[in-house]
Amino acid sequence: HTDVDPADPPKLRRECLVLIRDGHGAVLMVKPKHT
């Protein structure tokens, strides 16, 4: 790949989320303080 500088490769963020439901189909969610 000539479009990527091997000396300075791009940083990639990997956000890893989990979808959990209860027996009624509700989704478990959290409320972060920073967003």
PDB file of all heavy atoms in Angstrom:
ATOM      1  N   HIS A   1       0.849  -1.191   0.000  1.00  0.00           N
ATOM      2  CA  HIS A   1       0.000   0.000   0.000  1.00  0.00           C
ATOM      3  C   HIS A   1       0.882   1.237   0.000  1.00  0.00           C
ATOM      4  O   HIS A   1       1.598   1.502   0.955  1.00  0.00           O
ATOM      5  CB  HIS A   1      -0.911   0.018   1.238  1.00  0.00           C
ATOM      6  CG  HIS A   1      -1.888  -1.093   1.238  1.00  0.00           C
ATOM      7  ND1 HIS A   1      -3.035  -1.056   0.491  1.00  0.00           N
ATOM      8  CD2 HIS A   1      -1.886  -2.287   1.858  1.00  0.00           C
ATOM      9  CE1 HIS A   1      -3.714  -2.175   0.673  1.00  0.00           C
ATOM     10  NE2 HIS A   1      -3.036  -2.941   1.495  1.00  0.00           N
ATOM     11  N   THR A   2       0.833   1.996  -1.087  1.00  0.00           N
ATOM     12  CA  THR A   2       1.682   3.184  -1.185  1.00  0.00           C
ATOM     13  C   THR A   2       1.040   4.416  -0.568  1.00  0.00           C
ATOM     14  O   THR A   2       1.692   5.435  -0.434  1.00  0.00           O
ATOM     15  CB  THR A   2       2.012   3.472  -2.660  1.00  0.00           C
ATOM     16  OG1 THR A   2       0.782   3.637  -3.367  1.00  0.00           O
ATOM     17  CG2 THR A   2       2.821   2.334  -3.264  1.00  0.00           C
ATOM     18  N   ASP A   3      -0.247   4.312  -0.178  1.00  0.00           N
ATOM     19  CA  ASP A   3      -0.917   5.476   0.399  1.00  0.00           C
ATOM     20  C   ASP A   3      -0.732   5.576   1.909  1.00  0.00           C
ATOM     21  O   ASP A   3      -1.212   6.502   2.532  1.00  0.00           O
ATOM     22  CB  ASP A   3      -2.405   5.468   0.046  1.00  0.00           C
ATOM     23  CG  ASP A   3      -3.126   4.226   0.532  1.00  0.00           C
ATOM     24  OD1 ASP A   3      -2.445   3.210   0.775  1.00  0.00           O
ATOM     25  OD2 ASP A   3      -4.351   4.274   0.664  1.00  0.00           O
ATOM     26  N   VAL A   4      -0.014   4.646   2.516  1.00  0.00           N
ATOM     27  CA  VAL A   4       0.218   4.646   3.956  1.00  0.00           C
ATOM     28  C   VAL A   4       1.720   4.764   4.210  1.00  0.00           C
ATOM     29  O   VAL A   4       2.509   3.988   3.678  1.00  0.00           O
ATOM     30  CB  VAL A   4      -0.322   3.349   4.613  1.00  0.00           C
ATOM     31  CG1 VAL A   4       0.045   3.299   6.081  1.00  0.00           C
ATOM     32  CG2 VAL A   4      -1.823   3.254   4.431  1.00  0.00           C
ATOM     33  N   ASP A   5       2.100   5.739   5.015  1.00  0.00           N
ATOM     34  CA  ASP A   5       3.502   5.914   5.373  1.00  0.00           C
ATOM     35  C   ASP A   5       3.850   4.916   6.474  1.00  0.00           C
ATOM     36  O   ASP A   5       3.362   5.047   7.608  1.00  0.00           O
ATOM     37  CB  ASP A   5       3.729   7.353   5.846  1.00  0.00           C
ATOM     38  CG  ASP A   5       5.157   7.625   6.270  1.00  0.00           C
ATOM     39  OD1 ASP A   5       6.010   6.718   6.189  1.00  0.00           O
ATOM     40  OD2 ASP A   5       5.423   8.770   6.688  1.00  0.00           O
ATOM     41  N   PRO A   6       4.683   3.893   6.194  1.00  0.00           N
ATOM     42  CA  PRO A   6       4.998   2.891   7.209  1.00  0.00           C
ATOM     43  C   PRO A   6       5.738   3.463   8.421  1.00  0.00           C
ATOM     44  O   PRO A   6       5.712   2.879   9.501  1.00  0.00           O
ATOM     45  CB  PRO A   6       5.851   1.864   6.469  1.00  0.00           C
ATOM     46  CG  PRO A   6       6.295   2.522   5.220  1.00  0.00           C
ATOM     47  CD  PRO A   6       5.340   3.644   4.929  1.00  0.00           C
ATOM     48  N   ALA A   7       6.370   4.617   8.266  1.00  0.00           N
ATOM     49  CA  ALA A   7       7.073   5.243   9.392  1.00  0.00           C
ATOM     50  C   ALA A   7       6.105   5.930  10.347  1.00  0.00           C
ATOM     51  O   ALA A   7       6.434   6.170  11.499  1.00  0.00           O
ATOM     52  CB  ALA A   7       8.103   6.247   8.878  1.00  0.00           C
ATOM     53  N   ASP A   8       4.909   6.267   9.847  1.00  0.00           N
ATOM     54  CA  ASP A   8       3.919   6.946  10.678  1.00  0.00           C
ATOM     55  C   ASP A   8       2.527   6.413  10.344  1.00  0.00           C
ATOM     56  O   ASP A   8       1.704   7.122   9.770  1.00  0.00           O
ATOM     57  CB  ASP A   8       3.993   8.455  10.452  1.00  0.00           C
ATOM     58  CG  ASP A   8       3.097   9.222  11.401  1.00  0.00           C
ATOM     59  OD1 ASP A   8       2.826   8.718  12.512  1.00  0.00           O
ATOM     60  OD2 ASP A   8       2.653  10.318  11.044  1.00  0.00           O
ATOM     61  N   PRO A   9       2.247   5.153  10.704  1.00  0.00           N
ATOM     62  CA  PRO A   9       0.947   4.578  10.358  1.00  0.00           C
ATOM     63  C   PRO A   9      -0.172   5.258  11.141  1.00  0.00           C
ATOM     64  O   PRO A   9       0.044   5.767  12.239  1.00  0.00           O
ATOM     65  CB  PRO A   9       1.083   3.112  10.767  1.00  0.00           C
ATOM     66  CG  PRO A   9       2.133   3.110  11.810  1.00  0.00           C
ATOM     67  CD  PRO A   9       3.069   4.239  11.472  1.00  0.00           C
ATOM     68  N   PRO A  10      -1.372   5.282  10.560  1.00  0.00           N
ATOM     69  CA  PRO A  10      -2.485   5.916  11.273  1.00  0.00           C
ATOM     70  C   PRO A  10      -2.842   5.133  12.530  1.00  0.00           C
ATOM     71  O   PRO A  10      -2.706   3.912  12.577  1.00  0.00           O
ATOM     72  CB  PRO A  10      -3.632   5.876  10.262  1.00  0.00           C
ATOM     73  CG  PRO A  10      -3.264   4.795   9.315  1.00  0.00           C
ATOM     74  CD  PRO A  10      -1.773   4.722   9.294  1.00  0.00           C
ATOM     75  N   LYS A  11      -3.280   5.836  13.535  1.00  0.00           N
ATOM     76  CA  LYS A  11      -3.772   5.209  14.755  1.00  0.00           C
ATOM     77  C   LYS A  11      -5.236   4.855  14.532  1.00  0.00           C
ATOM     78  O   LYS A  11      -5.983   5.629  13.955  1.00  0.00           O
ATOM     79  CB  LYS A  11      -3.657   6.145  15.959  1.00  0.00           C
ATOM     80  CG  LYS A  11      -2.244   6.566  16.266  1.00  0.00           C
ATOM     81  CD  LYS A  11      -1.480   5.442  16.906  1.00  0.00           C
ATOM     82  CE  LYS A  11      -0.127   5.958  17.351  1.00  0.00           C
ATOM     83  NZ  LYS A  11       0.876   4.947  17.307  1.00  0.00           N
ATOM     84  N   LEU A  12      -5.645   3.707  14.992  1.00  0.00           N
ATOM     85  CA  LEU A  12      -7.020   3.268  14.837  1.00  0.00           C
ATOM     86  C   LEU A  12      -7.620   3.050  16.214  1.00  0.00           C
ATOM     87  O   LEU A  12      -7.059   2.317  17.030  1.00  0.00           O
ATOM     88  CB  LEU A  12      -7.085   1.956  14.044  1.00  0.00           C
ATOM     89  CG  LEU A  12      -8.473   1.345  13.890  1.00  0.00           C
ATOM     90  CD1 LEU A  12      -9.321   2.192  12.947  1.00  0.00           C
ATOM     91  CD2 LEU A  12      -8.370  -0.074  13.372  1.00  0.00           C
ATOM     92  N   ARG A  13      -8.726   3.718  16.455  1.00  0.00           N
ATOM     93  CA  ARG A  13      -9.435   3.510  17.715  1.00  0.00           C
ATOM     94  C   ARG A  13     -10.353   2.307  17.549  1.00  0.00           C
ATOM     95  O   ARG A  13     -11.052   2.189  16.551  1.00  0.00           O
ATOM     96  CB  ARG A  13     -10.271   4.739  18.077  1.00  0.00           C
ATOM     97  CG  ARG A  13      -9.471   5.966  18.397  1.00  0.00           C
ATOM     98  CD  ARG A  13     -10.358   7.158  18.718  1.00  0.00           C
ATOM     99  NE  ARG A  13     -11.229   7.476  17.596  1.00  0.00           N
ATOM    100  CZ  ARG A  13     -12.550   7.584  17.686  1.00  0.00           C
ATOM    101  NH1 ARG A  13     -13.172   7.416  18.830  1.00  0.00           N
ATOM    102  NH2 ARG A  13     -13.277   7.876  16.627  1.00  0.00           N
ATOM    103  N   ARG A  14     -10.362   1.420  18.541  1.00  0.00           N
ATOM    104  CA  ARG A  14     -11.288   0.287  18.550  1.00  0.00           C
ATOM    105  C   ARG A  14     -12.197   0.419  19.747  1.00  0.00           C
ATOM    106  O   ARG A  14     -11.770   0.249  20.891  1.00  0.00           O
ATOM    107  CB  ARG A  14     -10.541  -1.042  18.625  1.00  0.00           C
ATOM    108  CG  ARG A  14      -9.899  -1.465  17.327  1.00  0.00           C
ATOM    109  CD  ARG A  14      -9.145  -2.775  17.475  1.00  0.00           C
ATOM    110  NE  ARG A  14      -8.029  -2.603  18.401  1.00  0.00           N
ATOM    111  CZ  ARG A  14      -7.773  -3.404  19.443  1.00  0.00           C
ATOM    112  NH1 ARG A  14      -8.522  -4.443  19.682  1.00  0.00           N
ATOM    113  NH2 ARG A  14      -6.747  -3.163  20.222  1.00  0.00           N
ATOM    114  N   GLU A  15     -13.443   0.760  19.475  1.00  0.00           N
ATOM    115  CA  GLU A  15     -14.437   0.839  20.530  1.00  0.00           C
ATOM    116  C   GLU A  15     -15.118  -0.523  20.606  1.00  0.00           C
ATOM    117  O   GLU A  15     -15.626  -1.018  19.609  1.00  0.00           O
ATOM    118  CB  GLU A  15     -15.449   1.932  20.203  1.00  0.00           C
ATOM    119  CG  GLU A  15     -16.489   2.121  21.271  1.00  0.00           C
ATOM    120  CD  GLU A  15     -17.479   3.212  20.904  1.00  0.00           C
ATOM    121  OE1 GLU A  15     -17.890   3.284  19.742  1.00  0.00           O
ATOM    122  OE2 GLU A  15     -17.832   3.971  21.817  1.00  0.00           O
ATOM    123  N   CYS A  16     -15.122  -1.124  21.779  1.00  0.00           N
ATOM    124  CA  CYS A  16     -15.650  -2.474  21.966  1.00  0.00           C
ATOM    125  C   CYS A  16     -16.857  -2.404  22.902  1.00  0.00           C
ATOM    126  O   CYS A  16     -16.709  -2.203  24.103  1.00  0.00           O
ATOM    127  CB  CYS A  16     -14.568  -3.375  22.546  1.00  0.00           C
ATOM    128  SG  CYS A  16     -13.071  -3.396  21.518  1.00  0.00           S
ATOM    129  N   LEU A  17     -18.041  -2.536  22.314  1.00  0.00           N
ATOM    130  CA  LEU A  17     -19.301  -2.385  23.034  1.00  0.00           C
ATOM    131  C   LEU A  17     -19.989  -3.726  23.184  1.00  0.00           C
ATOM    132  O   LEU A  17     -19.731  -4.651  22.415  1.00  0.00           O
ATOM    133  CB  LEU A  17     -20.220  -1.421  22.276  1.00  0.00           C
ATOM    134  CG  LEU A  17     -19.618  -0.063  21.932  1.00  0.00           C
ATOM    135  CD1 LEU A  17     -20.562   0.716  21.036  1.00  0.00           C
ATOM    136  CD2 LEU A  17     -19.299   0.704  23.198  1.00  0.00           C
ATOM    137  N   VAL A  18     -20.896  -3.817  24.164  1.00  0.00           N
ATOM    138  CA  VAL A  18     -21.612  -5.066  24.408  1.00  0.00           C
ATOM    139  C   VAL A  18     -23.105  -4.795  24.451  1.00  0.00           C
ATOM    140  O   VAL A  18     -23.571  -3.939  25.211  1.00  0.00           O
ATOM    141  CB  VAL A  18     -21.163  -5.733  25.729  1.00  0.00           C
ATOM    142  CG1 VAL A  18     -21.869  -7.067  25.915  1.00  0.00           C
ATOM    143  CG2 VAL A  18     -19.641  -5.910  25.746  1.00  0.00           C
ATOM    144  N   LEU A  19     -23.843  -5.536  23.627  1.00  0.00           N
ATOM    145  CA  LEU A  19     -25.301  -5.462  23.615  1.00  0.00           C
ATOM    146  C   LEU A  19     -25.838  -6.598  24.474  1.00  0.00           C
ATOM    147  O   LEU A  19     -25.636  -7.767  24.158  1.00  0.00           O
ATOM    148  CB  LEU A  19     -25.837  -5.597  22.188  1.00  0.00           C
ATOM    149  CG  LEU A  19     -27.356  -5.601  22.079  1.00  0.00           C
ATOM    150  CD1 LEU A  19     -27.905  -4.200  22.327  1.00  0.00           C
ATOM    151  CD2 LEU A  19     -27.789  -6.098  20.714  1.00  0.00           C
ATOM    152  N   ILE A  20     -26.492  -6.236  25.573  1.00  0.00           N
ATOM    153  CA  ILE A  20     -27.122  -7.208  26.470  1.00  0.00           C
ATOM    154  C   ILE A  20     -28.578  -6.812  26.616  1.00  0.00           C
ATOM    155  O   ILE A  20     -28.900  -5.633  26.780  1.00  0.00           O
ATOM    156  CB  ILE A  20     -26.449  -7.226  27.861  1.00  0.00           C
ATOM    157  CG1 ILE A  20     -25.026  -7.750  27.741  1.00  0.00           C
ATOM    158  CG2 ILE A  20     -27.252  -8.084  28.844  1.00  0.00           C
ATOM    159  CD1 ILE A  20     -24.289  -7.841  29.054  1.00  0.00           C
ATOM    160  N   ARG A  21     -29.451  -7.811  26.557  1.00  0.00           N
ATOM    161  CA  ARG A  21     -30.881  -7.563  26.758  1.00  0.00           C
ATOM    162  C   ARG A  21     -31.364  -8.339  27.969  1.00  0.00           C
ATOM    163  O   ARG A  21     -30.748  -9.312  28.384  1.00  0.00           O
ATOM    164  CB  ARG A  21     -31.667  -7.990  25.527  1.00  0.00           C
ATOM    165  CG  ARG A  21     -31.365  -7.111  24.338  1.00  0.00           C
ATOM    166  CD  ARG A  21     -32.303  -7.368  23.215  1.00  0.00           C
ATOM    167  NE  ARG A  21     -31.791  -8.432  22.377  1.00  0.00           N
ATOM    168  CZ  ARG A  21     -32.392  -8.843  21.274  1.00  0.00           C
ATOM    169  NH1 ARG A  21     -33.518  -8.304  20.886  1.00  0.00           N
ATOM    170  NH2 ARG A  21     -31.871  -9.801  20.554  1.00  0.00           N
ATOM    171  N   ASP A  22     -32.493  -7.883  28.513  1.00  0.00           N
ATOM    172  CA  ASP A  22     -33.125  -8.641  29.587  1.00  0.00           C
ATOM    173  C   ASP A  22     -34.230  -9.497  28.969  1.00  0.00           C
ATOM    174  O   ASP A  22     -34.434  -9.484  27.749  1.00  0.00           O
ATOM    175  CB  ASP A  22     -33.642  -7.721  30.704  1.00  0.00           C
ATOM    176  CG  ASP A  22     -34.826  -6.860  30.312  1.00  0.00           C
ATOM    177  OD1 ASP A  22     -35.358  -7.000  29.185  1.00  0.00           O
ATOM    178  OD2 ASP A  22     -35.237  -6.028  31.136  1.00  0.00           O
ATOM    179  N   GLY A  23     -34.945 -10.230  29.782  1.00  0.00           N
ATOM    180  CA  GLY A  23     -36.000 -11.115  29.303  1.00  0.00           C
ATOM    181  C   GLY A  23     -37.172 -10.413  28.658  1.00  0.00           C
ATOM    182  O   GLY A  23     -37.995 -11.043  27.993  1.00  0.00           O
ATOM    183  N   HIS A  24     -37.246  -9.090  28.804  1.00  0.00           N
ATOM    184  CA  HIS A  24     -38.336  -8.312  28.212  1.00  0.00           C
ATOM    185  C   HIS A  24     -37.887  -7.579  26.946  1.00  0.00           C
ATOM    186  O   HIS A  24     -38.665  -6.816  26.369  1.00  0.00           O
ATOM    187  CB  HIS A  24     -38.876  -7.301  29.224  1.00  0.00           C
ATOM    188  CG  HIS A  24     -39.309  -7.938  30.508  1.00  0.00           C
ATOM    189  ND1 HIS A  24     -40.450  -8.705  30.617  1.00  0.00           N
ATOM    190  CD2 HIS A  24     -38.730  -7.947  31.731  1.00  0.00           C
ATOM    191  CE1 HIS A  24     -40.556  -9.159  31.848  1.00  0.00           C
ATOM    192  NE2 HIS A  24     -39.531  -8.704  32.547  1.00  0.00           N
ATOM    193  N   GLY A  25     -36.630  -7.756  26.562  1.00  0.00           N
ATOM    194  CA  GLY A  25     -36.109  -7.106  25.360  1.00  0.00           C
ATOM    195  C   GLY A  25     -35.470  -5.756  25.579  1.00  0.00           C
ATOM    196  O   GLY A  25     -35.034  -5.112  24.626  1.00  0.00           O
ATOM    197  N   ALA A  26     -35.401  -5.306  26.830  1.00  0.00           N
ATOM    198  CA  ALA A  26     -34.754  -4.020  27.111  1.00  0.00           C
ATOM    199  C   ALA A  26     -33.241  -4.157  26.952  1.00  0.00           C
ATOM    200  O   ALA A  26     -32.670  -5.228  27.166  1.00  0.00           O
ATOM    201  CB  ALA A  26     -35.095  -3.540  28.519  1.00  0.00           C
ATOM    202  N   VAL A  27     -32.605  -3.065  26.578  1.00  0.00           N
ATOM    203  CA  VAL A  27     -31.166  -3.009  26.340  1.00  0.00           C
ATOM    204  C   VAL A  27     -30.482  -2.396  27.557  1.00  0.00           C
ATOM    205  O   VAL A  27     -30.931  -1.378  28.090  1.00  0.00           O
ATOM    206  CB  VAL A  27     -30.873  -2.139  25.096  1.00  0.00           C
ATOM    207  CG1 VAL A  27     -29.378  -1.991  24.869  1.00  0.00           C
ATOM    208  CG2 VAL A  27     -31.549  -2.720  23.867  1.00  0.00           C
ATOM    209  N   LEU A  28     -29.380  -3.000  27.989  1.00  0.00           N
ATOM    210  CA  LEU A  28     -28.599  -2.459  29.102  1.00  0.00           C
ATOM    211  C   LEU A  28     -27.761  -1.295  28.595  1.00  0.00           C
ATOM    212  O   LEU A  28     -27.023  -1.429  27.615  1.00  0.00           O
ATOM    213  CB  LEU A  28     -27.703  -3.542  29.696  1.00  0.00           C
ATOM    214  CG  LEU A  28     -26.891  -3.139  30.920  1.00  0.00           C
ATOM    215  CD1 LEU A  28     -27.817  -2.796  32.091  1.00  0.00           C
ATOM    216  CD2 LEU A  28     -25.942  -4.257  31.313  1.00  0.00           C
ATOM    217  N   MET A  29     -27.881  -0.139  29.270  1.00  0.00           N
ATOM    218  CA  MET A  29     -27.125   1.047  28.885  1.00  0.00           C
ATOM    219  C   MET A  29     -26.493   1.694  30.109  1.00  0.00           C
ATOM    220  O   MET A  29     -26.977   1.533  31.224  1.00  0.00           O
ATOM    221  CB  MET A  29     -28.034   2.033  28.147  1.00  0.00           C
ATOM    222  CG  MET A  29     -28.600   1.447  26.848  1.00  0.00           C
ATOM    223  SD  MET A  29     -29.581   2.598  25.894  1.00  0.00           S
ATOM    224  CE  MET A  29     -28.274   3.596  25.175  1.00  0.00           C
ATOM    225  N   VAL A  30     -25.403   2.415  29.855  1.00  0.00           N
ATOM    226  CA  VAL A  30     -24.695   3.144  30.912  1.00  0.00           C
ATOM    227  C   VAL A  30     -24.624   4.619  30.516  1.00  0.00           C
ATOM    228  O   VAL A  30     -24.656   4.953  29.338  1.00  0.00           O
ATOM    229  CB  VAL A  30     -23.276   2.579  31.159  1.00  0.00           C
ATOM    230  CG1 VAL A  30     -23.333   1.148  31.657  1.00  0.00           C
ATOM    231  CG2 VAL A  30     -22.410   2.682  29.916  1.00  0.00           C
ATOM    232  N   LYS A  31     -24.508   5.487  31.530  1.00  0.00           N
ATOM    233  CA  LYS A  31     -24.407   6.929  31.271  1.00  0.00           C
ATOM    234  C   LYS A  31     -23.049   7.431  31.741  1.00  0.00           C
ATOM    235  O   LYS A  31     -22.814   7.611  32.932  1.00  0.00           O
ATOM    236  CB  LYS A  31     -25.511   7.696  31.983  1.00  0.00           C
ATOM    237  CG  LYS A  31     -25.460   9.184  31.655  1.00  0.00           C
ATOM    238  CD  LYS A  31     -26.768   9.842  31.951  1.00  0.00           C
ATOM    239  CE  LYS A  31     -26.772  11.316  31.665  1.00  0.00           C
ATOM    240  NZ  LYS A  31     -26.486  11.691  30.318  1.00  0.00           N
ATOM    241  N   PRO A  32     -22.133   7.666  30.790  1.00  0.00           N
ATOM    242  CA  PRO A  32     -20.821   8.203  31.160  1.00  0.00           C
ATOM    243  C   PRO A  32     -20.924   9.638  31.650  1.00  0.00           C
ATOM    244  O   PRO A  32     -21.801  10.388  31.223  1.00  0.00           O
ATOM    245  CB  PRO A  32     -20.026   8.154  29.848  1.00  0.00           C
ATOM    246  CG  PRO A  32     -20.778   7.224  28.966  1.00  0.00           C
ATOM    247  CD  PRO A  32     -22.217   7.329  29.383  1.00  0.00           C
ATOM    248  N   LYS A  33     -20.018  10.027  32.536  1.00  0.00           N
ATOM    249  CA  LYS A  33     -19.987  11.404  33.033  1.00  0.00           C
ATOM    250  C   LYS A  33     -19.379  12.357  32.015  1.00  0.00           C
ATOM    251  O   LYS A  33     -19.713  13.529  31.995  1.00  0.00           O
ATOM    252  CB  LYS A  33     -19.182  11.480  34.331  1.00  0.00           C
ATOM    253  CG  LYS A  33     -19.903  10.869  35.511  1.00  0.00           C
ATOM    254  CD  LYS A  33     -19.118  11.058  36.787  1.00  0.00           C
ATOM    255  CE  LYS A  33     -19.908  10.534  37.977  1.00  0.00           C
ATOM    256  NZ  LYS A  33     -19.194  10.706  39.243  1.00  0.00           N
ATOM    257  N   HIS A  34     -18.486  11.861  31.160  1.00  0.00           N
ATOM    258  CA  HIS A  34     -17.753  12.734  30.242  1.00  0.00           C
ATOM    259  C   HIS A  34     -18.468  13.026  28.926  1.00  0.00           C
ATOM    260  O   HIS A  34     -17.999  13.841  28.148  1.00  0.00           O
ATOM    261  CB  HIS A  34     -16.366  12.146  29.954  1.00  0.00           C
ATOM    262  CG  HIS A  34     -16.406  10.870  29.166  1.00  0.00           C
ATOM    263  ND1 HIS A  34     -16.665   9.650  29.759  1.00  0.00           N
ATOM    264  CD2 HIS A  34     -16.252  10.632  27.854  1.00  0.00           C
ATOM    265  CE1 HIS A  34     -16.654   8.710  28.832  1.00  0.00           C
ATOM    266  NE2 HIS A  34     -16.404   9.282  27.663  1.00  0.00           N
ATOM    267  N   THR A  35     -19.599  12.373  28.646  1.00  0.00           N
ATOM    268  CA  THR A  35     -20.330  12.624  27.402  1.00  0.00           C
ATOM    269  C   THR A  35     -21.818  12.708  27.692  1.00  0.00           C
ATOM    270  O   THR A  35     -22.287  12.257  28.727  1.00  0.00           O
ATOM    271  CB  THR A  35     -20.104  11.505  26.366  1.00  0.00           C
ATOM    272  OG1 THR A  35     -20.623  10.284  26.892  1.00  0.00           O
ATOM    273  CG2 THR A  35     -18.649  11.344  26.002  1.00  0.00           C
TER     274      THR A  35
END
